[in-house]
Amino acid sequence: MVGLDAPVRLDRPTDPEGERDHPAPSGQAGAPAGPPRKAPH
């Protein structure tokens, strides 16, 4: 799964599907584990 996510994210980092798999949606939802995880990423 990671291998498929790597190339997809590089091709289009704004892909909703790629962010869905990652903890990105958590931050958007308003979770405390979202913003801190998005920063280091």
PDB file of N, CA and C in Angstrom:
ATOM      1  N   MET A   1       0.843  -1.215   0.000  1.00  0.00           N
ATOM      2  CA  MET A   1       0.000   0.000   0.000  1.00  0.00           C
ATOM      3  C   MET A   1       0.874   1.260   0.000  1.00  0.00           C
ATOM      4  N   VAL A   2       1.945   1.200   0.764  1.00  0.00           N
ATOM      5  CA  VAL A   2       2.819   2.373   0.846  1.00  0.00           C
ATOM      6  C   VAL A   2       3.466   2.667  -0.507  1.00  0.00           C
ATOM      7  N   GLY A   3       3.848   1.598  -1.198  1.00  0.00           N
ATOM      8  CA  GLY A   3       4.492   1.768  -2.507  1.00  0.00           C
ATOM      9  C   GLY A   3       3.567   2.478  -3.487  1.00  0.00           C
ATOM     10  N   LEU A   4       2.307   2.116  -3.455  1.00  0.00           N
ATOM     11  CA  LEU A   4       1.336   2.737  -4.376  1.00  0.00           C
ATOM     12  C   LEU A   4       1.067   4.176  -3.950  1.00  0.00           C
ATOM     13  N   ASP A   5       1.098   4.422  -2.657  1.00  0.00           N
ATOM     14  CA  ASP A   5       0.808   5.779  -2.154  1.00  0.00           C
ATOM     15  C   ASP A   5       1.959   6.735  -2.474  1.00  0.00           C
ATOM     16  N   ALA A   6       3.184   6.228  -2.400  1.00  0.00           N
ATOM     17  CA  ALA A   6       4.358   7.084  -2.627  1.00  0.00           C
ATOM     18  C   ALA A   6       4.312   7.752  -4.009  1.00  0.00           C
ATOM     19  N   PRO A   7       4.243   6.984  -5.073  1.00  0.00           N
ATOM     20  CA  PRO A   7       4.230   7.558  -6.431  1.00  0.00           C
ATOM     21  C   PRO A   7       2.997   8.416  -6.677  1.00  0.00           C
ATOM     22  N   VAL A   8       1.876   7.984  -6.178  1.00  0.00           N
ATOM     23  CA  VAL A   8       0.623   8.736  -6.387  1.00  0.00           C
ATOM     24  C   VAL A   8       0.718  10.105  -5.719  1.00  0.00           C
ATOM     25  N   ARG A   9       1.256  10.124  -4.499  1.00  0.00           N
ATOM     26  CA  ARG A   9       1.332  11.395  -3.760  1.00  0.00           C
ATOM     27  C   ARG A   9       2.335  12.336  -4.456  1.00  0.00           C
ATOM     28  N   LEU A  10       3.387  11.791  -4.992  1.00  0.00           N
ATOM     29  CA  LEU A  10       4.390  12.643  -5.655  1.00  0.00           C
ATOM     30  C   LEU A  10       3.807  13.220  -6.951  1.00  0.00           C
ATOM     31  N   ASP A  11       3.045  12.393  -7.654  1.00  0.00           N
ATOM     32  CA  ASP A  11       2.441  12.850  -8.912  1.00  0.00           C
ATOM     33  C   ASP A  11       1.420  13.953  -8.653  1.00  0.00           C
ATOM     34  N   ARG A  12       0.604  13.732  -7.634  1.00  0.00           N
ATOM     35  CA  ARG A  12      -0.424  14.744  -7.291  1.00  0.00           C
ATOM     36  C   ARG A  12      -0.659  14.720  -5.778  1.00  0.00           C
ATOM     37  N   PRO A  13       0.094  15.531  -5.047  1.00  0.00           N
ATOM     38  CA  PRO A  13      -0.014  15.587  -3.576  1.00  0.00           C
ATOM     39  C   PRO A  13      -1.365  16.115  -3.122  1.00  0.00           C
ATOM     40  N   THR A  14      -2.158  16.656  -4.066  1.00  0.00           N
ATOM     41  CA  THR A  14      -3.475  17.199  -3.696  1.00  0.00           C
ATOM     42  C   THR A  14      -4.556  16.148  -3.931  1.00  0.00           C
ATOM     43  N   ASP A  15      -4.130  14.923  -4.229  1.00  0.00           N
ATOM     44  CA  ASP A  15      -5.110  13.855  -4.493  1.00  0.00           C
ATOM     45  C   ASP A  15      -5.920  13.559  -3.225  1.00  0.00           C
ATOM     46  N   PRO A  16      -7.233  13.566  -3.315  1.00  0.00           N
ATOM     47  CA  PRO A  16      -8.094  13.291  -2.154  1.00  0.00           C
ATOM     48  C   PRO A  16      -7.965  11.845  -1.700  1.00  0.00           C
ATOM     49  N   GLU A  17      -7.730  10.944  -2.648  1.00  0.00           N
ATOM     50  CA  GLU A  17      -7.598   9.523  -2.304  1.00  0.00           C
ATOM     51  C   GLU A  17      -6.312   9.282  -1.509  1.00  0.00           C
ATOM     52  N   GLY A  18      -5.220   9.909  -1.914  1.00  0.00           N
ATOM     53  CA  GLY A  18      -3.949   9.727  -1.213  1.00  0.00           C
ATOM     54  C   GLY A  18      -4.026  10.271   0.209  1.00  0.00           C
ATOM     55  N   GLU A  19      -4.630  11.448   0.350  1.00  0.00           N
ATOM     56  CA  GLU A  19      -4.741  12.037   1.692  1.00  0.00           C
ATOM     57  C   GLU A  19      -5.698  11.230   2.567  1.00  0.00           C
ATOM     58  N   ARG A  20      -6.642  10.578   1.916  1.00  0.00           N
ATOM     59  CA  ARG A  20      -7.640   9.797   2.672  1.00  0.00           C
ATOM     60  C   ARG A  20      -6.933   8.666   3.428  1.00  0.00           C
ATOM     61  N   ASP A  21      -6.010   8.005   2.744  1.00  0.00           N
ATOM     62  CA  ASP A  21      -5.294   6.894   3.371  1.00  0.00           C
ATOM     63  C   ASP A  21      -4.410   7.398   4.515  1.00  0.00           C
ATOM     64  N   HIS A  22      -3.930   8.617   4.364  1.00  0.00           N
ATOM     65  CA  HIS A  22      -3.036   9.187   5.379  1.00  0.00           C
ATOM     66  C   HIS A  22      -3.828   9.862   6.502  1.00  0.00           C
ATOM     67  N   PRO A  23      -3.183  10.229   7.577  1.00  0.00           N
ATOM     68  CA  PRO A  23      -3.846  10.899   8.702  1.00  0.00           C
ATOM     69  C   PRO A  23      -4.206  12.342   8.389  1.00  0.00           C
ATOM     70  N   ALA A  24      -4.232  12.708   7.132  1.00  0.00           N
ATOM     71  CA  ALA A  24      -4.578  14.081   6.745  1.00  0.00           C
ATOM     72  C   ALA A  24      -6.040  14.392   7.077  1.00  0.00           C
ATOM     73  N   PRO A  25      -6.958  13.481   6.756  1.00  0.00           N
ATOM     74  CA  PRO A  25      -8.372  13.724   7.033  1.00  0.00           C
ATOM     75  C   PRO A  25      -8.628  13.939   8.524  1.00  0.00           C
ATOM     76  N   SER A  26      -7.819  13.310   9.348  1.00  0.00           N
ATOM     77  CA  SER A  26      -7.987  13.454  10.801  1.00  0.00           C
ATOM     78  C   SER A  26      -7.871  14.935  11.191  1.00  0.00           C
ATOM     79  N   GLY A  27      -6.875  15.610  10.631  1.00  0.00           N
ATOM     80  CA  GLY A  27      -6.676  17.032  10.937  1.00  0.00           C
ATOM     81  C   GLY A  27      -7.823  17.863  10.397  1.00  0.00           C
ATOM     82  N   GLN A  28      -8.252  17.565   9.189  1.00  0.00           N
ATOM     83  CA  GLN A  28      -9.348  18.321   8.583  1.00  0.00           C
ATOM     84  C   GLN A  28     -10.620  18.153   9.402  1.00  0.00           C
ATOM     85  N   ALA A  29     -10.809  16.967   9.965  1.00  0.00           N
ATOM     86  CA  ALA A  29     -12.017  16.686  10.737  1.00  0.00           C
ATOM     87  C   ALA A  29     -11.998  17.486  12.050  1.00  0.00           C
ATOM     88  N   GLY A  30     -10.803  17.926  12.451  1.00  0.00           N
ATOM     89  CA  GLY A  30     -10.700  18.716  13.683  1.00  0.00           C
ATOM     90  C   GLY A  30     -10.111  17.886  14.811  1.00  0.00           C
ATOM     91  N   ALA A  31      -9.424  16.802  14.466  1.00  0.00           N
ATOM     92  CA  ALA A  31      -8.825  15.948  15.503  1.00  0.00           C
ATOM     93  C   ALA A  31      -7.486  16.543  15.964  1.00  0.00           C
ATOM     94  N   PRO A  32      -7.124  16.323  17.228  1.00  0.00           N
ATOM     95  CA  PRO A  32      -5.874  16.869  17.769  1.00  0.00           C
ATOM     96  C   PRO A  32      -4.644  16.149  17.205  1.00  0.00           C
ATOM     97  N   ALA A  33      -4.864  14.980  16.615  1.00  0.00           N
ATOM     98  CA  ALA A  33      -3.742  14.201  16.067  1.00  0.00           C
ATOM     99  C   ALA A  33      -3.569  14.500  14.575  1.00  0.00           C
ATOM    100  N   GLY A  34      -4.336  15.428  14.060  1.00  0.00           N
ATOM    101  CA  GLY A  34      -4.263  15.746  12.630  1.00  0.00           C
ATOM    102  C   GLY A  34      -3.202  16.797  12.323  1.00  0.00           C
ATOM    103  N   PRO A  35      -3.342  17.996  12.866  1.00  0.00           N
ATOM    104  CA  PRO A  35      -2.400  19.089  12.573  1.00  0.00           C
ATOM    105  C   PRO A  35      -0.952  18.738  12.901  1.00  0.00           C
ATOM    106  N   PRO A  36      -0.684  18.164  14.079  1.00  0.00           N
ATOM    107  CA  PRO A  36       0.699  17.833  14.446  1.00  0.00           C
ATOM    108  C   PRO A  36       1.315  16.810  13.494  1.00  0.00           C
ATOM    109  N   ARG A  37       0.480  15.927  12.948  1.00  0.00           N
ATOM    110  CA  ARG A  37       1.015  14.890  12.068  1.00  0.00           C
ATOM    111  C   ARG A  37       1.252  15.474  10.673  1.00  0.00           C
ATOM    112  N   LYS A  38       0.462  16.443  10.307  1.00  0.00           N
ATOM    113  CA  LYS A  38       0.602  17.020   8.960  1.00  0.00           C
ATOM    114  C   LYS A  38       1.872  17.892   8.886  1.00  0.00           C
ATOM    115  N   ALA A  39       2.251  18.486   9.976  1.00  0.00           N
ATOM    116  CA  ALA A  39       3.418  19.372   9.987  1.00  0.00           C
ATOM    117  C   ALA A  39       4.699  18.607   9.628  1.00  0.00           C
ATOM    118  N   PRO A  40       5.014  17.529  10.346  1.00  0.00           N
ATOM    119  CA  PRO A  40       6.246  16.776  10.062  1.00  0.00           C
ATOM    120  C   PRO A  40       6.212  16.141   8.689  1.00  0.00           C
ATOM    121  N   HIS A  41       5.025  15.812   8.223  1.00  0.00           N
ATOM    122  CA  HIS A  41       4.889  15.153   6.912  1.00  0.00           C
ATOM    123  C   HIS A  41       5.326  16.151   5.862  1.00  0.00           C
TER     124      HIS A  41
END
